[in-house]
Amino acid sequence: MKISVELTLTPLQDDFEPPIIAFIKKLRTSGLTVLENPLSTQVYGEYDTVMSLLQKEIREAFNDLDHVLLQMKIVKTDRSEHEPDY
């Protein structure tokens, strides 16, 4: 089953950009479709593959940071090719 996941990682610290950049770079090396915008990162692929990757990378990010918030939305379809028609 294909899924689309939107993630927003928010380190609750002054120097917040380096952990976000590191998190995104690790997702990019997965071979999955990873797209970014200024507010979130989207990951697309097979459910088991995406969730396995996210479990590993979220755990690592949480271990590396004292205070962090992660927002995640999951859609049961691959929306990577979506083009708005408005």
PDB file of N, CA and C in Angstrom:
ATOM      1  N   MET A   1       0.840  -1.166   0.000  1.00  0.00           N
ATOM      2  CA  MET A   1       0.000   0.000   0.000  1.00  0.00           C
ATOM      3  C   MET A   1       0.892   1.239   0.000  1.00  0.00           C
ATOM      4  N   LYS A   2       0.568   2.178  -0.860  1.00  0.00           N
ATOM      5  CA  LYS A   2       1.325   3.431  -0.967  1.00  0.00           C
ATOM      6  C   LYS A   2       0.799   4.441   0.045  1.00  0.00           C
ATOM      7  N   ILE A   3       1.739   5.225   0.620  1.00  0.00           N
ATOM      8  CA  ILE A   3       1.346   6.294   1.531  1.00  0.00           C
ATOM      9  C   ILE A   3       2.137   7.562   1.229  1.00  0.00           C
ATOM     10  N   SER A   4       1.600   8.664   1.717  1.00  0.00           N
ATOM     11  CA  SER A   4       2.260   9.960   1.699  1.00  0.00           C
ATOM     12  C   SER A   4       2.313  10.435   3.147  1.00  0.00           C
ATOM     13  N   VAL A   5       3.480  10.895   3.577  1.00  0.00           N
ATOM     14  CA  VAL A   5       3.639  11.351   4.958  1.00  0.00           C
ATOM     15  C   VAL A   5       4.204  12.761   4.944  1.00  0.00           C
ATOM     16  N   GLU A   6       3.549  13.650   5.683  1.00  0.00           N
ATOM     17  CA  GLU A   6       4.049  15.014   5.847  1.00  0.00           C
ATOM     18  C   GLU A   6       4.608  15.141   7.253  1.00  0.00           C
ATOM     19  N   LEU A   7       5.843  15.645   7.349  1.00  0.00           N
ATOM     20  CA  LEU A   7       6.531  15.763   8.635  1.00  0.00           C
ATOM     21  C   LEU A   7       6.956  17.194   8.880  1.00  0.00           C
ATOM     22  N   THR A   8       6.824  17.618  10.123  1.00  0.00           N
ATOM     23  CA  THR A   8       7.391  18.891  10.553  1.00  0.00           C
ATOM     24  C   THR A   8       8.137  18.627  11.850  1.00  0.00           C
ATOM     25  N   LEU A   9       9.466  18.696  11.775  1.00  0.00           N
ATOM     26  CA  LEU A   9      10.317  18.497  12.944  1.00  0.00           C
ATOM     27  C   LEU A   9      10.636  19.875  13.524  1.00  0.00           C
ATOM     28  N   THR A  10      10.371  20.053  14.818  1.00  0.00           N
ATOM     29  CA  THR A  10      10.593  21.339  15.469  1.00  0.00           C
ATOM     30  C   THR A  10      11.436  21.150  16.728  1.00  0.00           C
ATOM     31  N   PRO A  11      12.751  21.322  16.619  1.00  0.00           N
ATOM     32  CA  PRO A  11      13.580  21.300  17.822  1.00  0.00           C
ATOM     33  C   PRO A  11      13.259  22.526  18.675  1.00  0.00           C
ATOM     34  N   LEU A  12      13.038  22.334  19.953  1.00  0.00           N
ATOM     35  CA  LEU A  12      12.683  23.430  20.846  1.00  0.00           C
ATOM     36  C   LEU A  12      13.955  23.969  21.498  1.00  0.00           C
ATOM     37  N   GLN A  13      14.753  24.656  20.672  1.00  0.00           N
ATOM     38  CA  GLN A  13      16.031  25.210  21.105  1.00  0.00           C
ATOM     39  C   GLN A  13      16.385  26.379  20.191  1.00  0.00           C
ATOM     40  N   ASP A  14      17.338  27.187  20.601  1.00  0.00           N
ATOM     41  CA  ASP A  14      17.717  28.357  19.813  1.00  0.00           C
ATOM     42  C   ASP A  14      18.331  27.981  18.468  1.00  0.00           C
ATOM     43  N   ASP A  15      19.248  27.048  18.460  1.00  0.00           N
ATOM     44  CA  ASP A  15      19.937  26.652  17.223  1.00  0.00           C
ATOM     45  C   ASP A  15      19.180  25.480  16.592  1.00  0.00           C
ATOM     46  N   PHE A  16      18.013  25.760  16.011  1.00  0.00           N
ATOM     47  CA  PHE A  16      17.109  24.703  15.559  1.00  0.00           C
ATOM     48  C   PHE A  16      17.369  24.212  14.141  1.00  0.00           C
ATOM     49  N   GLU A  17      18.040  25.003  13.296  1.00  0.00           N
ATOM     50  CA  GLU A  17      18.189  24.613  11.889  1.00  0.00           C
ATOM     51  C   GLU A  17      19.077  23.392  11.652  1.00  0.00           C
ATOM     52  N   PRO A  18      20.251  23.270  12.280  1.00  0.00           N
ATOM     53  CA  PRO A  18      21.104  22.091  11.991  1.00  0.00           C
ATOM     54  C   PRO A  18      20.413  20.741  12.201  1.00  0.00           C
ATOM     55  N   PRO A  19      19.652  20.525  13.286  1.00  0.00           N
ATOM     56  CA  PRO A  19      18.989  19.215  13.426  1.00  0.00           C
ATOM     57  C   PRO A  19      17.931  18.966  12.349  1.00  0.00           C
ATOM     58  N   ILE A  20      17.248  20.005  11.908  1.00  0.00           N
ATOM     59  CA  ILE A  20      16.246  19.845  10.852  1.00  0.00           C
ATOM     60  C   ILE A  20      16.932  19.458   9.545  1.00  0.00           C
ATOM     61  N   ILE A  21      18.006  20.146   9.220  1.00  0.00           N
ATOM     62  CA  ILE A  21      18.750  19.855   7.988  1.00  0.00           C
ATOM     63  C   ILE A  21      19.296  18.430   8.016  1.00  0.00           C
ATOM     64  N   ALA A  22      19.852  18.019   9.152  1.00  0.00           N
ATOM     65  CA  ALA A  22      20.391  16.654   9.276  1.00  0.00           C
ATOM     66  C   ALA A  22      19.289  15.616   9.093  1.00  0.00           C
ATOM     67  N   PHE A  23      18.121  15.860   9.678  1.00  0.00           N
ATOM     68  CA  PHE A  23      16.981  14.947   9.565  1.00  0.00           C
ATOM     69  C   PHE A  23      16.556  14.802   8.102  1.00  0.00           C
ATOM     70  N   ILE A  24      16.435  15.921   7.399  1.00  0.00           N
ATOM     71  CA  ILE A  24      16.026  15.890   5.994  1.00  0.00           C
ATOM     72  C   ILE A  24      17.069  15.182   5.137  1.00  0.00           C
ATOM     73  N   LYS A  25      18.343  15.450   5.368  1.00  0.00           N
ATOM     74  CA  LYS A  25      19.404  14.802   4.578  1.00  0.00           C
ATOM     75  C   LYS A  25      19.373  13.288   4.750  1.00  0.00           C
ATOM     76  N   LYS A  26      19.081  12.808   5.952  1.00  0.00           N
ATOM     77  CA  LYS A  26      18.986  11.362   6.165  1.00  0.00           C
ATOM     78  C   LYS A  26      17.798  10.776   5.413  1.00  0.00           C
ATOM     79  N   LEU A  27      16.682  11.497   5.405  1.00  0.00           N
ATOM     80  CA  LEU A  27      15.518  11.026   4.653  1.00  0.00           C
ATOM     81  C   LEU A  27      15.826  10.963   3.165  1.00  0.00           C
ATOM     82  N   ARG A  28      16.557  11.944   2.664  1.00  0.00           N
ATOM     83  CA  ARG A  28      16.901  11.988   1.230  1.00  0.00           C
ATOM     84  C   ARG A  28      17.730  10.784   0.794  1.00  0.00           C
ATOM     85  N   THR A  29      18.549  10.238   1.669  1.00  0.00           N
ATOM     86  CA  THR A  29      19.416   9.116   1.292  1.00  0.00           C
ATOM     87  C   THR A  29      18.670   7.787   1.243  1.00  0.00           C
ATOM     88  N   SER A  30      17.388   7.788   1.569  1.00  0.00           N
ATOM     89  CA  SER A  30      16.609   6.547   1.674  1.00  0.00           C
ATOM     90  C   SER A  30      16.262   5.925   0.331  1.00  0.00           C
ATOM     91  N   GLY A  31      16.313   6.697  -0.748  1.00  0.00           N
ATOM     92  CA  GLY A  31      15.874   6.196  -2.040  1.00  0.00           C
ATOM     93  C   GLY A  31      14.386   6.404  -2.272  1.00  0.00           C
ATOM     94  N   LEU A  32      13.665   6.862  -1.252  1.00  0.00           N
ATOM     95  CA  LEU A  32      12.246   7.178  -1.395  1.00  0.00           C
ATOM     96  C   LEU A  32      12.093   8.574  -1.999  1.00  0.00           C
ATOM     97  N   THR A  33      10.903   8.892  -2.467  1.00  0.00           N
ATOM     98  CA  THR A  33      10.626  10.246  -2.942  1.00  0.00           C
ATOM     99  C   THR A  33      10.466  11.137  -1.721  1.00  0.00           C
ATOM    100  N   VAL A  34      11.319  12.154  -1.625  1.00  0.00           N
ATOM    101  CA  VAL A  34      11.299  13.099  -0.514  1.00  0.00           C
ATOM    102  C   VAL A  34      11.237  14.500  -1.105  1.00  0.00           C
ATOM    103  N   LEU A  35      10.221  15.261  -0.732  1.00  0.00           N
ATOM    104  CA  LEU A  35      10.056  16.630  -1.200  1.00  0.00           C
ATOM    105  C   LEU A  35       9.992  17.553   0.006  1.00  0.00           C
ATOM    106  N   GLU A  36      10.571  18.740  -0.124  1.00  0.00           N
ATOM    107  CA  GLU A  36      10.550  19.700   0.973  1.00  0.00           C
ATOM    108  C   GLU A  36       9.901  21.003   0.530  1.00  0.00           C
ATOM    109  N   ASN A  37       9.334  21.701   1.488  1.00  0.00           N
ATOM    110  CA  ASN A  37       8.916  23.085   1.304  1.00  0.00           C
ATOM    111  C   ASN A  37       9.327  23.817   2.583  1.00  0.00           C
ATOM    112  N   PRO A  38       9.117  25.119   2.673  1.00  0.00           N
ATOM    113  CA  PRO A  38       9.596  25.845   3.857  1.00  0.00           C
ATOM    114  C   PRO A  38       8.992  25.392   5.191  1.00  0.00           C
ATOM    115  N   LEU A  39       7.865  24.719   5.174  1.00  0.00           N
ATOM    116  CA  LEU A  39       7.210  24.360   6.425  1.00  0.00           C
ATOM    117  C   LEU A  39       7.197  22.876   6.762  1.00  0.00           C
ATOM    118  N   SER A  40       7.464  22.013   5.768  1.00  0.00           N
ATOM    119  CA  SER A  40       7.382  20.584   6.042  1.00  0.00           C
ATOM    120  C   SER A  40       8.172  19.789   5.002  1.00  0.00           C
ATOM    121  N   THR A  41       8.275  18.499   5.287  1.00  0.00           N
ATOM    122  CA  THR A  41       8.927  17.549   4.387  1.00  0.00           C
ATOM    123  C   THR A  41       7.931  16.429   4.129  1.00  0.00           C
ATOM    124  N   GLN A  42       7.841  16.001   2.874  1.00  0.00           N
ATOM    125  CA  GLN A  42       6.947  14.917   2.513  1.00  0.00           C
ATOM    126  C   GLN A  42       7.765  13.707   2.061  1.00  0.00           C
ATOM    127  N   VAL A  43       7.330  12.525   2.488  1.00  0.00           N
ATOM    128  CA  VAL A  43       7.966  11.268   2.112  1.00  0.00           C
ATOM    129  C   VAL A  43       6.875  10.386   1.505  1.00  0.00           C
ATOM    130  N   TYR A  44       7.203   9.762   0.370  1.00  0.00           N
ATOM    131  CA  TYR A  44       6.225   8.957  -0.373  1.00  0.00           C
ATOM    132  C   TYR A  44       6.804   7.573  -0.633  1.00  0.00           C
ATOM    133  N   GLY A  45       5.968   6.536  -0.539  1.00  0.00           N
ATOM    134  CA  GLY A  45       6.415   5.190  -0.861  1.00  0.00           C
ATOM    135  C   GLY A  45       5.505   4.132  -0.261  1.00  0.00           C
ATOM    136  N   GLU A  46       6.025   2.903  -0.251  1.00  0.00           N
ATOM    137  CA  GLU A  46       5.298   1.781   0.334  1.00  0.00           C
ATOM    138  C   GLU A  46       5.243   1.926   1.853  1.00  0.00           C
ATOM    139  N   TYR A  47       4.082   1.601   2.414  1.00  0.00           N
ATOM    140  CA  TYR A  47       3.835   1.785   3.844  1.00  0.00           C
ATOM    141  C   TYR A  47       4.965   1.231   4.715  1.00  0.00           C
ATOM    142  N   ASP A  48       5.287  -0.047   4.551  1.00  0.00           N
ATOM    143  CA  ASP A  48       6.284  -0.680   5.426  1.00  0.00           C
ATOM    144  C   ASP A  48       7.652  -0.020   5.288  1.00  0.00           C
ATOM    145  N   THR A  49       8.031   0.349   4.079  1.00  0.00           N
ATOM    146  CA  THR A  49       9.335   0.972   3.841  1.00  0.00           C
ATOM    147  C   THR A  49       9.398   2.355   4.475  1.00  0.00           C
ATOM    148  N   VAL A  50       8.352   3.152   4.247  1.00  0.00           N
ATOM    149  CA  VAL A  50       8.320   4.513   4.789  1.00  0.00           C
ATOM    150  C   VAL A  50       8.289   4.482   6.311  1.00  0.00           C
ATOM    151  N   MET A  51       7.432   3.663   6.874  1.00  0.00           N
ATOM    152  CA  MET A  51       7.301   3.636   8.329  1.00  0.00           C
ATOM    153  C   MET A  51       8.557   3.087   9.007  1.00  0.00           C
ATOM    154  N   SER A  52       9.218   2.134   8.387  1.00  0.00           N
ATOM    155  CA  SER A  52      10.475   1.616   8.927  1.00  0.00           C
ATOM    156  C   SER A  52      11.538   2.716   8.950  1.00  0.00           C
ATOM    157  N   LEU A  53      11.640   3.441   7.850  1.00  0.00           N
ATOM    158  CA  LEU A  53      12.590   4.559   7.780  1.00  0.00           C
ATOM    159  C   LEU A  53      12.256   5.613   8.848  1.00  0.00           C
ATOM    160  N   LEU A  54      10.995   5.995   8.933  1.00  0.00           N
ATOM    161  CA  LEU A  54      10.612   7.036   9.882  1.00  0.00           C
ATOM    162  C   LEU A  54      10.832   6.598  11.326  1.00  0.00           C
ATOM    163  N   GLN A  55      10.542   5.359  11.621  1.00  0.00           N
ATOM    164  CA  GLN A  55      10.776   4.870  12.980  1.00  0.00           C
ATOM    165  C   GLN A  55      12.242   5.048  13.363  1.00  0.00           C
ATOM    166  N   LYS A  56      13.129   4.674  12.469  1.00  0.00           N
ATOM    167  CA  LYS A  56      14.575   4.782  12.725  1.00  0.00           C
ATOM    168  C   LYS A  56      15.016   6.235  12.850  1.00  0.00           C
ATOM    169  N   GLU A  57      14.631   7.066  11.895  1.00  0.00           N
ATOM    170  CA  GLU A  57      15.112   8.448  11.865  1.00  0.00           C
ATOM    171  C   GLU A  57      14.471   9.317  12.944  1.00  0.00           C
ATOM    172  N   ILE A  58      13.218   9.074  13.274  1.00  0.00           N
ATOM    173  CA  ILE A  58      12.581   9.829  14.353  1.00  0.00           C
ATOM    174  C   ILE A  58      13.220   9.462  15.688  1.00  0.00           C
ATOM    175  N   ARG A  59      13.450   8.175  15.908  1.00  0.00           N
ATOM    176  CA  ARG A  59      14.111   7.748  17.144  1.00  0.00           C
ATOM    177  C   ARG A  59      15.480   8.409  17.280  1.00  0.00           C
ATOM    178  N   GLU A  60      16.250   8.433  16.194  1.00  0.00           N
ATOM    179  CA  GLU A  60      17.582   9.040  16.236  1.00  0.00           C
ATOM    180  C   GLU A  60      17.485  10.544  16.521  1.00  0.00           C
ATOM    181  N   ALA A  61      16.565  11.233  15.867  1.00  0.00           N
ATOM    182  CA  ALA A  61      16.396  12.669  16.112  1.00  0.00           C
ATOM    183  C   ALA A  61      15.986  12.920  17.563  1.00  0.00           C
ATOM    184  N   PHE A  62      15.094  12.108  18.090  1.00  0.00           N
ATOM    185  CA  PHE A  62      14.653  12.275  19.477  1.00  0.00           C
ATOM    186  C   PHE A  62      15.785  11.984  20.458  1.00  0.00           C
ATOM    187  N   ASN A  63      16.630  11.012  20.145  1.00  0.00           N
ATOM    188  CA  ASN A  63      17.770  10.714  21.012  1.00  0.00           C
ATOM    189  C   ASN A  63      18.790  11.848  21.007  1.00  0.00           C
ATOM    190  N   ASP A  64      18.921  12.544  19.861  1.00  0.00           N
ATOM    191  CA  ASP A  64      19.916  13.603  19.725  1.00  0.00           C
ATOM    192  C   ASP A  64      19.483  14.942  20.310  1.00  0.00           C
ATOM    193  N   LEU A  65      18.198  15.129  20.540  1.00  0.00           N
ATOM    194  CA  LEU A  65      17.681  16.422  20.986  1.00  0.00           C
ATOM    195  C   LEU A  65      17.003  16.288  22.349  1.00  0.00           C
ATOM    196  N   ASP A  66      17.195  17.286  23.196  1.00  0.00           N
ATOM    197  CA  ASP A  66      16.575  17.251  24.523  1.00  0.00           C
ATOM    198  C   ASP A  66      15.080  17.531  24.460  1.00  0.00           C
ATOM    199  N   HIS A  67      14.687  18.496  23.621  1.00  0.00           N
ATOM    200  CA  HIS A  67      13.286  18.894  23.521  1.00  0.00           C
ATOM    201  C   HIS A  67      12.949  19.066  22.051  1.00  0.00           C
ATOM    202  N   VAL A  68      11.991  18.282  21.574  1.00  0.00           N
ATOM    203  CA  VAL A  68      11.660  18.308  20.149  1.00  0.00           C
ATOM    204  C   VAL A  68      10.188  17.930  19.966  1.00  0.00           C
ATOM    205  N   LEU A  69       9.598  18.530  18.947  1.00  0.00           N
ATOM    206  CA  LEU A  69       8.215  18.262  18.581  1.00  0.00           C
ATOM    207  C   LEU A  69       8.212  17.755  17.143  1.00  0.00           C
ATOM    208  N   LEU A  70       7.438  16.720  16.872  1.00  0.00           N
ATOM    209  CA  LEU A  70       7.289  16.216  15.511  1.00  0.00           C
ATOM    210  C   LEU A  70       5.805  16.110  15.198  1.00  0.00           C
ATOM    211  N   GLN A  71       5.398  16.768  14.131  1.00  0.00           N
ATOM    212  CA  GLN A  71       4.023  16.639  13.644  1.00  0.00           C
ATOM    213  C   GLN A  71       4.057  15.765  12.402  1.00  0.00           C
ATOM    214  N   MET A  72       3.112  14.832  12.308  1.00  0.00           N
ATOM    215  CA  MET A  72       3.106  13.905  11.185  1.00  0.00           C
ATOM    216  C   MET A  72       1.668  13.683  10.719  1.00  0.00           C
ATOM    217  N   LYS A  73       1.490  13.749   9.406  1.00  0.00           N
ATOM    218  CA  LYS A  73       0.207  13.423   8.779  1.00  0.00           C
ATOM    219  C   LYS A  73       0.462  12.303   7.787  1.00  0.00           C
ATOM    220  N   ILE A  74      -0.428  11.316   7.756  1.00  0.00           N
ATOM    221  CA  ILE A  74      -0.291  10.179   6.852  1.00  0.00           C
ATOM    222  C   ILE A  74      -1.548  10.081   6.000  1.00  0.00           C
ATOM    223  N   VAL A  75      -1.348   9.962   4.701  1.00  0.00           N
ATOM    224  CA  VAL A  75      -2.445   9.798   3.754  1.00  0.00           C
ATOM    225  C   VAL A  75      -2.263   8.457   3.061  1.00  0.00           C
ATOM    226  N   LYS A  76      -3.320   7.695   2.919  1.00  0.00           N
ATOM    227  CA  LYS A  76      -3.236   6.380   2.288  1.00  0.00           C
ATOM    228  C   LYS A  76      -3.336   6.514   0.766  1.00  0.00           C
ATOM    229  N   THR A  77      -2.298   7.054   0.174  1.00  0.00           N
ATOM    230  CA  THR A  77      -2.136   7.143  -1.274  1.00  0.00           C
ATOM    231  C   THR A  77      -0.823   7.860  -1.549  1.00  0.00           C
ATOM    232  N   ASP A  78      -0.287   7.674  -2.710  1.00  0.00           N
ATOM    233  CA  ASP A  78       0.932   8.390  -3.104  1.00  0.00           C
ATOM    234  C   ASP A  78       0.510   9.684  -3.786  1.00  0.00           C
ATOM    235  N   ARG A  79       0.718  10.806  -3.122  1.00  0.00           N
ATOM    236  CA  ARG A  79       0.325  12.114  -3.633  1.00  0.00           C
ATOM    237  C   ARG A  79       1.514  12.876  -4.226  1.00  0.00           C
ATOM    238  N   SER A  80       2.623  12.199  -4.482  1.00  0.00           N
ATOM    239  CA  SER A  80       3.834  12.881  -4.946  1.00  0.00           C
ATOM    240  C   SER A  80       3.679  13.536  -6.310  1.00  0.00           C
ATOM    241  N   GLU A  81       2.745  13.072  -7.117  1.00  0.00           N
ATOM    242  CA  GLU A  81       2.532  13.639  -8.455  1.00  0.00           C
ATOM    243  C   GLU A  81       1.383  14.660  -8.484  1.00  0.00           C
ATOM    244  N   HIS A  82       0.839  14.979  -7.328  1.00  0.00           N
ATOM    245  CA  HIS A  82      -0.308  15.904  -7.280  1.00  0.00           C
ATOM    246  C   HIS A  82       0.067  17.289  -7.809  1.00  0.00           C
ATOM    247  N   GLU A  83      -0.738  17.792  -8.707  1.00  0.00           N
ATOM    248  CA  GLU A  83      -0.596  19.150  -9.249  1.00  0.00           C
ATOM    249  C   GLU A  83      -1.882  19.889  -8.952  1.00  0.00           C
ATOM    250  N   PRO A  84      -1.839  20.979  -8.168  1.00  0.00           N
ATOM    251  CA  PRO A  84      -3.071  21.732  -7.924  1.00  0.00           C
ATOM    252  C   PRO A  84      -3.644  22.278  -9.219  1.00  0.00           C
ATOM    253  N   ASP A  85      -4.939  22.274  -9.349  1.00  0.00           N
ATOM    254  CA  ASP A  85      -5.564  22.770 -10.571  1.00  0.00           C
ATOM    255  C   ASP A  85      -6.309  24.072 -10.331  1.00  0.00           C
ATOM    256  N   TYR A  86      -5.831  24.847  -9.416  1.00  0.00           N
ATOM    257  CA  TYR A  86      -6.452  26.146  -9.135  1.00  0.00           C
ATOM    258  C   TYR A  86      -5.484  27.254  -9.349  1.00  0.00           C
TER     259      TYR A  86
END
